[in-house]
């Protein structure tokens, strides 16, 4: 059986807007990190992958 979660509407909370700004900042830092990873993979993807190859069947 699936569960449905509903949010009750109510007066706007000023803290909600501040939380949205923080979430946007977190997204920006994550995007920046992903861009950095993409740059690394473009320059030396084979070396990057080889560093994660498991050795000895582990």
Protein backbone atom coordinates (compact mmCIF):
# COMPACT_ATOMS: atom_id res chain seq x y z
CA UNK A 1 0.00 0.00 0.00
CA UNK A 2 1.44 3.37 -0.93
CA UNK A 3 1.62 6.26 1.47
CA UNK A 4 0.64 9.78 0.52
CA UNK A 5 2.15 12.68 2.39
CA UNK A 6 0.37 16.02 2.33
CA UNK A 7 1.68 19.37 3.47
CA UNK A 8 -0.92 21.54 5.12
CA UNK A 9 -1.09 25.05 3.72
CA UNK A 10 -0.72 27.80 6.23
CA UNK A 11 0.70 31.25 6.70
CA UNK A 12 4.05 31.79 5.06
CA UNK A 13 6.99 31.42 7.38
CA UNK A 14 9.79 33.96 6.83
CA UNK A 15 12.33 31.25 7.65
CA UNK A 16 11.18 29.25 4.61
CA UNK A 17 12.65 31.82 2.24
CA UNK A 18 15.98 31.76 4.07
CA UNK A 19 16.05 27.97 3.75
CA UNK A 20 15.56 28.25 0.02
CA UNK A 21 18.56 30.55 -0.27
CA UNK A 22 20.71 28.04 1.61
CA UNK A 23 19.55 25.23 -0.68
CA UNK A 24 20.53 27.31 -3.71
CA UNK A 25 24.00 27.85 -2.23
CA UNK A 26 24.37 24.10 -1.61
CA UNK A 27 23.41 23.39 -5.22
CA UNK A 28 26.01 25.86 -6.44
CA UNK A 29 28.79 24.20 -4.45
CA UNK A 30 27.70 20.77 -5.69
CA UNK A 31 27.66 22.01 -9.28
CA UNK A 32 31.12 23.45 -8.80
CA UNK A 33 32.40 20.14 -7.47
CA UNK A 34 30.87 18.22 -10.39
CA UNK A 35 32.46 20.64 -12.86
CA UNK A 36 35.84 20.06 -11.21
CA UNK A 37 35.38 16.28 -11.48
CA UNK A 38 34.44 16.63 -15.16
CA UNK A 39 37.61 18.62 -15.80
CA UNK A 40 39.75 15.95 -14.13
CA UNK A 41 38.08 13.17 -16.10
CA UNK A 42 38.57 15.03 -19.38
CA UNK A 43 42.30 15.32 -18.81
CA UNK A 44 43.15 11.91 -17.33
CA UNK A 45 40.12 9.63 -17.22
CA UNK A 46 42.12 6.43 -17.74
CA UNK A 47 44.43 7.17 -14.82
CA UNK A 48 41.45 8.10 -12.64
CA UNK A 49 39.68 4.83 -13.39
CA UNK A 50 42.82 2.73 -12.89
CA UNK A 51 43.23 4.19 -9.40
CA UNK A 52 39.89 2.61 -8.46
CA UNK A 53 40.46 -0.84 -9.98
CA UNK A 54 40.21 -3.46 -7.26
CA UNK A 55 43.24 -5.67 -6.86
CA UNK A 56 43.36 -9.19 -5.45
CA UNK A 57 39.63 -9.82 -5.85
CA UNK A 58 38.68 -7.41 -3.10
